[in-house]
Amino acid sequence: QEQERLKNVCDRLTEKGVHILLSNSECELIRE
């Protein structure tokens, strides 16, 4: 749930014109 909340934050920041770089594990959840 926290990973999903982080992704939602990334979506909002992207719409706002904020540059993002994110690290995470290579797994199905993150790729989806």
Full PDB file with SEQRES, HELIX, SHEET, SSBOND, CRYST1, ORIGX, SCALE, CONECT and MASTER records, all heavy atoms in Angstrom:
SEQRES   1 A   32  GLN GLU GLN GLU ARG LEU LYS ASN VAL CYS ASP ARG LEU          
SEQRES   2 A   32  THR GLU LYS GLY VAL HIS ILE LEU LEU SER ASN SER GLU          
SEQRES   3 A   32  CYS GLU LEU ILE ARG GLU                                      
HELIX    1 AA1 GLU A    2  LYS A   16  1                                  15    
HELIX    2 AA2 GLU A   28  ARG A   31  1                                   4    
CRYST1    1.000    1.000    1.000  90.00  90.00  90.00 P 1           1          
ORIGX1      1.000000  0.000000  0.000000        0.00000                         
ORIGX2      0.000000  1.000000  0.000000        0.00000                         
ORIGX3      0.000000  0.000000  1.000000        0.00000                         
SCALE1      1.000000  0.000000  0.000000        0.00000                         
SCALE2      0.000000  1.000000  0.000000        0.00000                         
SCALE3      0.000000  0.000000  1.000000        0.00000                         
ATOM      1  N   GLN A   1       0.822  -1.214   0.000  1.00  0.00           N  
ATOM      2  CA  GLN A   1       0.000   0.000   0.000  1.00  0.00           C  
ATOM      3  C   GLN A   1       0.854   1.260   0.000  1.00  0.00           C  
ATOM      4  O   GLN A   1       0.520   2.256  -0.658  1.00  0.00           O  
ATOM      5  CB  GLN A   1      -0.940   0.012   1.210  1.00  0.00           C  
ATOM      6  CG  GLN A   1      -2.081  -0.991   1.103  1.00  0.00           C  
ATOM      7  CD  GLN A   1      -3.067  -0.851   2.251  1.00  0.00           C  
ATOM      8  OE1 GLN A   1      -2.738  -0.329   3.323  1.00  0.00           O  
ATOM      9  NE2 GLN A   1      -4.289  -1.313   2.048  1.00  0.00           N  
ATOM     10  N   GLU A   2       1.972   1.212   0.726  1.00  0.00           N  
ATOM     11  CA  GLU A   2       2.868   2.364   0.748  1.00  0.00           C  
ATOM     12  C   GLU A   2       3.545   2.558  -0.613  1.00  0.00           C  
ATOM     13  O   GLU A   2       3.746   3.688  -1.064  1.00  0.00           O  
ATOM     14  CB  GLU A   2       3.918   2.197   1.853  1.00  0.00           C  
ATOM     15  CG  GLU A   2       3.353   2.251   3.257  1.00  0.00           C  
ATOM     16  CD  GLU A   2       2.760   3.612   3.563  1.00  0.00           C  
ATOM     17  OE1 GLU A   2       3.501   4.531   3.920  1.00  0.00           O  
ATOM     18  OE2 GLU A   2       1.519   3.760   3.420  1.00  0.00           O  
ATOM     19  N   GLN A   3       3.914   1.443  -1.262  1.00  0.00           N  
ATOM     20  CA  GLN A   3       4.486   1.544  -2.604  1.00  0.00           C  
ATOM     21  C   GLN A   3       3.476   2.168  -3.573  1.00  0.00           C  
ATOM     22  O   GLN A   3       3.851   2.998  -4.419  1.00  0.00           O  
ATOM     23  CB  GLN A   3       4.911   0.161  -3.113  1.00  0.00           C  
ATOM     24  CG  GLN A   3       6.016  -0.515  -2.313  1.00  0.00           C  
ATOM     25  CD  GLN A   3       7.387   0.115  -2.506  1.00  0.00           C  
ATOM     26  OE1 GLN A   3       7.582   0.987  -3.359  1.00  0.00           O  
ATOM     27  NE2 GLN A   3       8.355  -0.327  -1.716  1.00  0.00           N  
ATOM     28  N   GLU A   4       2.222   1.803  -3.440  1.00  0.00           N  
ATOM     29  CA  GLU A   4       1.186   2.380  -4.294  1.00  0.00           C  
ATOM     30  C   GLU A   4       0.978   3.864  -3.984  1.00  0.00           C  
ATOM     31  O   GLU A   4       0.776   4.675  -4.891  1.00  0.00           O  
ATOM     32  CB  GLU A   4      -0.117   1.603  -4.111  1.00  0.00           C  
ATOM     33  CG  GLU A   4      -0.049   0.181  -4.662  1.00  0.00           C  
ATOM     34  CD  GLU A   4      -1.277  -0.641  -4.320  1.00  0.00           C  
ATOM     35  OE1 GLU A   4      -2.131  -0.152  -3.531  1.00  0.00           O  
ATOM     36  OE2 GLU A   4      -1.384  -1.778  -4.823  1.00  0.00           O  
ATOM     37  N   ARG A   5       1.039   4.204  -2.704  1.00  0.00           N  
ATOM     38  CA  ARG A   5       0.896   5.623  -2.330  1.00  0.00           C  
ATOM     39  C   ARG A   5       2.065   6.442  -2.876  1.00  0.00           C  
ATOM     40  O   ARG A   5       1.865   7.564  -3.362  1.00  0.00           O  
ATOM     41  CB  ARG A   5       0.817   5.750  -0.800  1.00  0.00           C  
ATOM     42  CG  ARG A   5       0.605   7.184  -0.311  1.00  0.00           C  
ATOM     43  CD  ARG A   5       0.128   7.207   1.121  1.00  0.00           C  
ATOM     44  NE  ARG A   5       1.131   6.775   2.067  1.00  0.00           N  
ATOM     45  CZ  ARG A   5       1.931   7.620   2.743  1.00  0.00           C  
ATOM     46  NH1 ARG A   5       1.832   8.934   2.543  1.00  0.00           N  
ATOM     47  NH2 ARG A   5       2.807   7.153   3.610  1.00  0.00           N  
ATOM     48  N   LEU A   6       3.265   5.874  -2.818  1.00  0.00           N  
ATOM     49  CA  LEU A   6       4.424   6.556  -3.387  1.00  0.00           C  
ATOM     50  C   LEU A   6       4.244   6.776  -4.875  1.00  0.00           C  
ATOM     51  O   LEU A   6       4.554   7.849  -5.402  1.00  0.00           O  
ATOM     52  CB  LEU A   6       5.689   5.744  -3.115  1.00  0.00           C  
ATOM     53  CG  LEU A   6       6.980   6.229  -3.776  1.00  0.00           C  
ATOM     54  CD1 LEU A   6       7.299   7.671  -3.394  1.00  0.00           C  
ATOM     55  CD2 LEU A   6       8.148   5.318  -3.397  1.00  0.00           C  
ATOM     56  N   LYS A   7       3.734   5.777  -5.583  1.00  0.00           N  
ATOM     57  CA  LYS A   7       3.513   5.922  -7.023  1.00  0.00           C  
ATOM     58  C   LYS A   7       2.499   7.025  -7.305  1.00  0.00           C  
ATOM     59  O   LYS A   7       2.658   7.811  -8.245  1.00  0.00           O  
ATOM     60  CB  LYS A   7       3.035   4.581  -7.596  1.00  0.00           C  
ATOM     61  CG  LYS A   7       3.080   4.516  -9.118  1.00  0.00           C  
ATOM     62  CD  LYS A   7       1.792   4.975  -9.755  1.00  0.00           C  
ATOM     63  CE  LYS A   7       1.854   4.899 -11.269  1.00  0.00           C  
ATOM     64  NZ  LYS A   7       0.548   5.259 -11.887  1.00  0.00           N  
ATOM     65  N   ASN A   8       1.447   7.112  -6.484  1.00  0.00           N  
ATOM     66  CA  ASN A   8       0.457   8.177  -6.660  1.00  0.00           C  
ATOM     67  C   ASN A   8       1.074   9.558  -6.449  1.00  0.00           C  
ATOM     68  O   ASN A   8       0.745  10.514  -7.149  1.00  0.00           O  
ATOM     69  CB  ASN A   8      -0.722   7.982  -5.708  1.00  0.00           C  
ATOM     70  CG  ASN A   8      -1.561   6.767  -6.060  1.00  0.00           C  
ATOM     71  OD1 ASN A   8      -1.599   6.348  -7.221  1.00  0.00           O  
ATOM     72  ND2 ASN A   8      -2.233   6.192  -5.068  1.00  0.00           N  
ATOM     73  N   VAL A   9       1.993   9.650  -5.481  1.00  0.00           N  
ATOM     74  CA  VAL A   9       2.718  10.900  -5.264  1.00  0.00           C  
ATOM     75  C   VAL A   9       3.562  11.234  -6.494  1.00  0.00           C  
ATOM     76  O   VAL A   9       3.596  12.390  -6.950  1.00  0.00           O  
ATOM     77  CB  VAL A   9       3.610  10.804  -4.005  1.00  0.00           C  
ATOM     78  CG1 VAL A   9       4.555  12.004  -3.915  1.00  0.00           C  
ATOM     79  CG2 VAL A   9       2.745  10.718  -2.749  1.00  0.00           C  
ATOM     80  N   CYS A  10       4.219  10.233  -7.062  1.00  0.00           N  
ATOM     81  CA  CYS A  10       5.023  10.445  -8.276  1.00  0.00           C  
ATOM     82  C   CYS A  10       4.150  10.939  -9.428  1.00  0.00           C  
ATOM     83  O   CYS A  10       4.570  11.811 -10.208  1.00  0.00           O  
ATOM     84  CB  CYS A  10       5.740   9.158  -8.675  1.00  0.00           C  
ATOM     85  SG  CYS A  10       7.090   8.697  -7.572  1.00  0.00           S  
ATOM     86  N   ASP A  11       2.949  10.396  -9.544  1.00  0.00           N  
ATOM     87  CA  ASP A  11       2.031  10.849 -10.596  1.00  0.00           C  
ATOM     88  C   ASP A  11       1.699  12.334 -10.428  1.00  0.00           C  
ATOM     89  O   ASP A  11       1.719  13.103 -11.392  1.00  0.00           O  
ATOM     90  CB  ASP A  11       0.734  10.038 -10.555  1.00  0.00           C  
ATOM     91  CG  ASP A  11       0.901   8.631 -11.105  1.00  0.00           C  
ATOM     92  OD1 ASP A  11       1.930   8.345 -11.737  1.00  0.00           O  
ATOM     93  OD2 ASP A  11      -0.021   7.816 -10.893  1.00  0.00           O  
ATOM     94  N   ARG A  12       1.395  12.734  -9.202  1.00  0.00           N  
ATOM     95  CA  ARG A  12       1.044  14.139  -8.948  1.00  0.00           C  
ATOM     96  C   ARG A  12       2.232  15.056  -9.206  1.00  0.00           C  
ATOM     97  O   ARG A  12       2.076  16.156  -9.767  1.00  0.00           O  
ATOM     98  CB  ARG A  12       0.529  14.305  -7.518  1.00  0.00           C  
ATOM     99  CG  ARG A  12      -0.783  13.582  -7.249  1.00  0.00           C  
ATOM    100  CD  ARG A  12      -1.481  14.126  -6.010  1.00  0.00           C  
ATOM    101  NE  ARG A  12      -0.683  13.964  -4.806  1.00  0.00           N  
ATOM    102  CZ  ARG A  12      -0.729  12.890  -4.021  1.00  0.00           C  
ATOM    103  NH1 ARG A  12      -1.526  11.873  -4.338  1.00  0.00           N  
ATOM    104  NH2 ARG A  12      -0.004  12.819  -2.928  1.00  0.00           N  
ATOM    105  N   LEU A  13       3.418  14.632  -8.793  1.00  0.00           N  
ATOM    106  CA  LEU A  13       4.606  15.454  -9.003  1.00  0.00           C  
ATOM    107  C   LEU A  13       4.924  15.573 -10.495  1.00  0.00           C  
ATOM    108  O   LEU A  13       5.356  16.640 -10.966  1.00  0.00           O  
ATOM    109  CB  LEU A  13       5.798  14.865  -8.254  1.00  0.00           C  
ATOM    110  CG  LEU A  13       5.713  14.860  -6.722  1.00  0.00           C  
ATOM    111  CD1 LEU A  13       6.982  14.260  -6.125  1.00  0.00           C  
ATOM    112  CD2 LEU A  13       5.482  16.254  -6.175  1.00  0.00           C  
ATOM    113  N   THR A  14       4.725  14.498 -11.231  1.00  0.00           N  
ATOM    114  CA  THR A  14       4.959  14.526 -12.679  1.00  0.00           C  
ATOM    115  C   THR A  14       4.030  15.530 -13.351  1.00  0.00           C  
ATOM    116  O   THR A  14       4.456  16.313 -14.213  1.00  0.00           O  
ATOM    117  CB  THR A  14       4.750  13.113 -13.270  1.00  0.00           C  
ATOM    118  OG1 THR A  14       5.696  12.216 -12.678  1.00  0.00           O  
ATOM    119  CG2 THR A  14       4.951  13.115 -14.782  1.00  0.00           C  
ATOM    120  N   GLU A  15       2.766  15.511 -12.966  1.00  0.00           N  
ATOM    121  CA  GLU A  15       1.796  16.460 -13.520  1.00  0.00           C  
ATOM    122  C   GLU A  15       2.168  17.900 -13.168  1.00  0.00           C  
ATOM    123  O   GLU A  15       1.866  18.835 -13.916  1.00  0.00           O  
ATOM    124  CB  GLU A  15       0.396  16.135 -12.990  1.00  0.00           C  
ATOM    125  CG  GLU A  15      -0.159  14.811 -13.516  1.00  0.00           C  
ATOM    126  CD  GLU A  15      -1.429  14.386 -12.805  1.00  0.00           C  
ATOM    127  OE1 GLU A  15      -1.917  15.167 -11.945  1.00  0.00           O  
ATOM    128  OE2 GLU A  15      -1.929  13.281 -13.086  1.00  0.00           O  
ATOM    129  N   LYS A  16       2.857  18.064 -12.052  1.00  0.00           N  
ATOM    130  CA  LYS A  16       3.244  19.402 -11.597  1.00  0.00           C  
ATOM    131  C   LYS A  16       4.525  19.888 -12.250  1.00  0.00           C  
ATOM    132  O   LYS A  16       4.895  21.059 -12.108  1.00  0.00           O  
ATOM    133  CB  LYS A  16       3.409  19.364 -10.066  1.00  0.00           C  
ATOM    134  CG  LYS A  16       3.405  20.722  -9.393  1.00  0.00           C  
ATOM    135  CD  LYS A  16       3.333  20.561  -7.885  1.00  0.00           C  
ATOM    136  CE  LYS A  16       3.198  21.921  -7.199  1.00  0.00           C  
ATOM    137  NZ  LYS A  16       3.021  21.808  -5.737  1.00  0.00           N  
ATOM    138  N   GLY A  17       5.226  19.005 -12.960  1.00  0.00           N  
ATOM    139  CA  GLY A  17       6.474  19.411 -13.614  1.00  0.00           C  
ATOM    140  C   GLY A  17       7.701  19.250 -12.740  1.00  0.00           C  
ATOM    141  O   GLY A  17       8.708  19.937 -12.934  1.00  0.00           O  
ATOM    142  N   VAL A  18       7.629  18.326 -11.787  1.00  0.00           N  
ATOM    143  CA  VAL A  18       8.764  18.029 -10.905  1.00  0.00           C  
ATOM    144  C   VAL A  18       9.535  16.843 -11.485  1.00  0.00           C  
ATOM    145  O   VAL A  18       8.941  15.842 -11.889  1.00  0.00           O  
ATOM    146  CB  VAL A  18       8.279  17.710  -9.482  1.00  0.00           C  
ATOM    147  CG1 VAL A  18       9.434  17.238  -8.609  1.00  0.00           C  
ATOM    148  CG2 VAL A  18       7.604  18.928  -8.855  1.00  0.00           C  
ATOM    149  N   HIS A  19      10.862  16.939 -11.510  1.00  0.00           N  
ATOM    150  CA  HIS A  19      11.712  15.871 -12.034  1.00  0.00           C  
ATOM    151  C   HIS A  19      11.937  14.815 -10.958  1.00  0.00           C  
ATOM    152  O   HIS A  19      12.293  15.149  -9.823  1.00  0.00           O  
ATOM    153  CB  HIS A  19      13.058  16.427 -12.490  1.00  0.00           C  
ATOM    154  CG  HIS A  19      12.938  17.484 -13.535  1.00  0.00           C  
ATOM    155  ND1 HIS A  19      12.794  17.205 -14.878  1.00  0.00           N  
ATOM    156  CD2 HIS A  19      12.916  18.844 -13.436  1.00  0.00           C  
ATOM    157  CE1 HIS A  19      12.706  18.323 -15.561  1.00  0.00           C  
ATOM    158  NE2 HIS A  19      12.772  19.337 -14.710  1.00  0.00           N  
ATOM    159  N   ILE A  20      11.763  13.547 -11.327  1.00  0.00           N  
ATOM    160  CA  ILE A  20      11.858  12.448 -10.361  1.00  0.00           C  
ATOM    161  C   ILE A  20      12.838  11.385 -10.843  1.00  0.00           C  
ATOM    162  O   ILE A  20      12.866  11.038 -12.025  1.00  0.00           O  
ATOM    163  CB  ILE A  20      10.478  11.772 -10.159  1.00  0.00           C  
ATOM    164  CG1 ILE A  20       9.486  12.730  -9.492  1.00  0.00           C  
ATOM    165  CG2 ILE A  20      10.610  10.503  -9.321  1.00  0.00           C  
ATOM    166  CD1 ILE A  20       8.071  12.202  -9.485  1.00  0.00           C  
ATOM    167  N   LEU A  21      13.639  10.891  -9.903  1.00  0.00           N  
ATOM    168  CA  LEU A  21      14.396   9.658 -10.089  1.00  0.00           C  
ATOM    169  C   LEU A  21      14.099   8.791  -8.878  1.00  0.00           C  
ATOM    170  O   LEU A  21      14.133   9.277  -7.742  1.00  0.00           O  
ATOM    171  CB  LEU A  21      15.894   9.917 -10.207  1.00  0.00           C  
ATOM    172  CG  LEU A  21      16.757   8.677 -10.480  1.00  0.00           C  
ATOM    173  CD1 LEU A  21      16.447   8.100 -11.857  1.00  0.00           C  
ATOM    174  CD2 LEU A  21      18.245   9.016 -10.386  1.00  0.00           C  
ATOM    175  N   LEU A  22      13.786   7.517  -9.122  1.00  0.00           N  
ATOM    176  CA  LEU A  22      13.383   6.619  -8.047  1.00  0.00           C  
ATOM    177  C   LEU A  22      14.136   5.299  -8.154  1.00  0.00           C  
ATOM    178  O   LEU A  22      14.338   4.772  -9.248  1.00  0.00           O  
ATOM    179  CB  LEU A  22      11.867   6.364  -8.118  1.00  0.00           C  
ATOM    180  CG  LEU A  22      11.226   5.453  -7.074  1.00  0.00           C  
ATOM    181  CD1 LEU A  22       9.842   5.968  -6.693  1.00  0.00           C  
ATOM    182  CD2 LEU A  22      11.109   4.011  -7.578  1.00  0.00           C  
ATOM    183  N   SER A  23      14.573   4.767  -7.016  1.00  0.00           N  
ATOM    184  CA  SER A  23      15.217   3.457  -6.949  1.00  0.00           C  
ATOM    185  C   SER A  23      14.253   2.458  -6.319  1.00  0.00           C  
ATOM    186  O   SER A  23      13.516   2.808  -5.395  1.00  0.00           O  
ATOM    187  CB  SER A  23      16.485   3.503  -6.090  1.00  0.00           C  
ATOM    188  OG  SER A  23      17.455   4.352  -6.645  1.00  0.00           O  
ATOM    189  N   ASN A  24      14.303   1.210  -6.818  1.00  0.00           N  
ATOM    190  CA  ASN A  24      13.506   0.167  -6.182  1.00  0.00           C  
ATOM    191  C   ASN A  24      13.992  -1.189  -6.671  1.00  0.00           C  
ATOM    192  O   ASN A  24      14.879  -1.264  -7.524  1.00  0.00           O  
ATOM    193  CB  ASN A  24      12.014   0.341  -6.465  1.00  0.00           C  
ATOM    194  CG  ASN A  24      11.152  -0.014  -5.257  1.00  0.00           C  
ATOM    195  OD1 ASN A  24      11.317  -1.068  -4.656  1.00  0.00           O  
ATOM    196  ND2 ASN A  24      10.237   0.880  -4.897  1.00  0.00           N  
ATOM    197  N   SER A  25      13.418  -2.240  -6.119  1.00  0.00           N  
ATOM    198  CA  SER A  25      13.781  -3.587  -6.549  1.00  0.00           C  
ATOM    199  C   SER A  25      13.130  -3.882  -7.895  1.00  0.00           C  
ATOM    200  O   SER A  25      12.096  -3.300  -8.246  1.00  0.00           O  
ATOM    201  CB  SER A  25      13.330  -4.617  -5.511  1.00  0.00           C  
ATOM    202  OG  SER A  25      11.942  -4.506  -5.269  1.00  0.00           O  
ATOM    203  N   GLU A  26      13.751  -4.774  -8.641  1.00  0.00           N  
ATOM    204  CA  GLU A  26      13.179  -5.178  -9.915  1.00  0.00           C  
ATOM    205  C   GLU A  26      12.247  -6.352  -9.664  1.00  0.00           C  
ATOM    206  O   GLU A  26      12.673  -7.498  -9.536  1.00  0.00           O  
ATOM    207  CB  GLU A  26      14.257  -5.563 -10.922  1.00  0.00           C  
ATOM    208  CG  GLU A  26      13.684  -5.891 -12.280  1.00  0.00           C  
ATOM    209  CD  GLU A  26      14.688  -5.788 -13.406  1.00  0.00           C  
ATOM    210  OE1 GLU A  26      15.901  -5.809 -13.130  1.00  0.00           O  
ATOM    211  OE2 GLU A  26      14.259  -5.668 -14.566  1.00  0.00           O  
ATOM    212  N   CYS A  27      10.972  -6.024  -9.578  1.00  0.00           N  
ATOM    213  CA  CYS A  27       9.973  -7.056  -9.301  1.00  0.00           C  
ATOM    214  C   CYS A  27       8.678  -6.700 -10.016  1.00  0.00           C  
ATOM    215  O   CYS A  27       8.504  -5.585 -10.527  1.00  0.00           O  
ATOM    216  CB  CYS A  27       9.735  -7.207  -7.803  1.00  0.00           C  
ATOM    217  SG  CYS A  27       9.059  -5.738  -7.010  1.00  0.00           S  
ATOM    218  N   GLU A  28       7.764  -7.640 -10.057  1.00  0.00           N  
ATOM    219  CA  GLU A  28       6.517  -7.472 -10.800  1.00  0.00           C  
ATOM    220  C   GLU A  28       5.713  -6.278 -10.303  1.00  0.00           C  
ATOM    221  O   GLU A  28       5.170  -5.500 -11.097  1.00  0.00           O  
ATOM    222  CB  GLU A  28       5.684  -8.752 -10.700  1.00  0.00           C  
ATOM    223  CG  GLU A  28       4.415  -8.721 -11.530  1.00  0.00           C  
ATOM    224  CD  GLU A  28       3.640 -10.030 -11.454  1.00  0.00           C  
ATOM    225  OE1 GLU A  28       4.145 -10.967 -10.797  1.00  0.00           O  
ATOM    226  OE2 GLU A  28       2.551 -10.099 -12.037  1.00  0.00           O  
ATOM    227  N   LEU A  29       5.623  -6.106  -8.993  1.00  0.00           N  
ATOM    228  CA  LEU A  29       4.841  -5.010  -8.432  1.00  0.00           C  
ATOM    229  C   LEU A  29       5.325  -3.663  -8.944  1.00  0.00           C  
ATOM    230  O   LEU A  29       4.533  -2.829  -9.400  1.00  0.00           O  
ATOM    231  CB  LEU A  29       4.916  -5.039  -6.896  1.00  0.00           C  
ATOM    232  CG  LEU A  29       4.338  -3.815  -6.176  1.00  0.00           C  
ATOM    233  CD1 LEU A  29       2.839  -3.690  -6.418  1.00  0.00           C  
ATOM    234  CD2 LEU A  29       4.644  -3.881  -4.676  1.00  0.00           C  
ATOM    235  N   ILE A  30       6.636  -3.431  -8.868  1.00  0.00           N  
ATOM    236  CA  ILE A  30       7.186  -2.128  -9.255  1.00  0.00           C  
ATOM    237  C   ILE A  30       7.046  -1.915 -10.765  1.00  0.00           C  
ATOM    238  O   ILE A  30       6.673  -0.818 -11.225  1.00  0.00           O  
ATOM    239  CB  ILE A  30       8.654  -2.016  -8.811  1.00  0.00           C  
ATOM    240  CG1 ILE A  30       8.737  -2.104  -7.283  1.00  0.00           C  
ATOM    241  CG2 ILE A  30       9.268  -0.714  -9.313  1.00  0.00           C  
ATOM    242  CD1 ILE A  30       7.907  -1.078  -6.530  1.00  0.00           C  
ATOM    243  N   ARG A  31       7.315  -2.944 -11.550  1.00  0.00           N  
ATOM    244  CA  ARG A  31       7.173  -2.806 -13.006  1.00  0.00           C  
ATOM    245  C   ARG A  31       5.725  -2.528 -13.403  1.00  0.00           C  
ATOM    246  O   ARG A  31       5.462  -1.764 -14.334  1.00  0.00           O  
ATOM    247  CB  ARG A  31       7.708  -4.046 -13.727  1.00  0.00           C  
ATOM    248  CG  ARG A  31       9.237  -4.085 -13.753  1.00  0.00           C  
ATOM    249  CD  ARG A  31       9.776  -5.046 -14.794  1.00  0.00           C  
ATOM    250  NE  ARG A  31      11.218  -4.856 -14.979  1.00  0.00           N  
ATOM    251  CZ  ARG A  31      11.747  -4.004 -15.828  1.00  0.00           C  
ATOM    252  NH1 ARG A  31      10.953  -3.227 -16.570  1.00  0.00           N  
ATOM    253  NH2 ARG A  31      13.056  -3.896 -15.948  1.00  0.00           N  
ATOM    254  N   GLU A  32       4.773  -3.109 -12.703  1.00  0.00           N  
ATOM    255  CA  GLU A  32       3.365  -2.846 -12.999  1.00  0.00           C  
ATOM    256  C   GLU A  32       2.967  -1.431 -12.589  1.00  0.00           C  
ATOM    257  O   GLU A  32       2.250  -0.735 -13.321  1.00  0.00           O  
ATOM    258  CB  GLU A  32       2.481  -3.868 -12.277  1.00  0.00           C  
ATOM    259  CG  GLU A  32       2.498  -5.251 -12.915  1.00  0.00           C  
ATOM    260  CD  GLU A  32       1.559  -6.215 -12.212  1.00  0.00           C  
ATOM    261  OE1 GLU A  32       0.936  -5.797 -11.201  1.00  0.00           O  
ATOM    262  OE2 GLU A  32       1.459  -7.362 -12.662  1.00  0.00           O  
TER     263      GLU A  32                                                      
MASTER        0    0    0    2    0    0    0    6  262    1    0    3          
END                                                                             
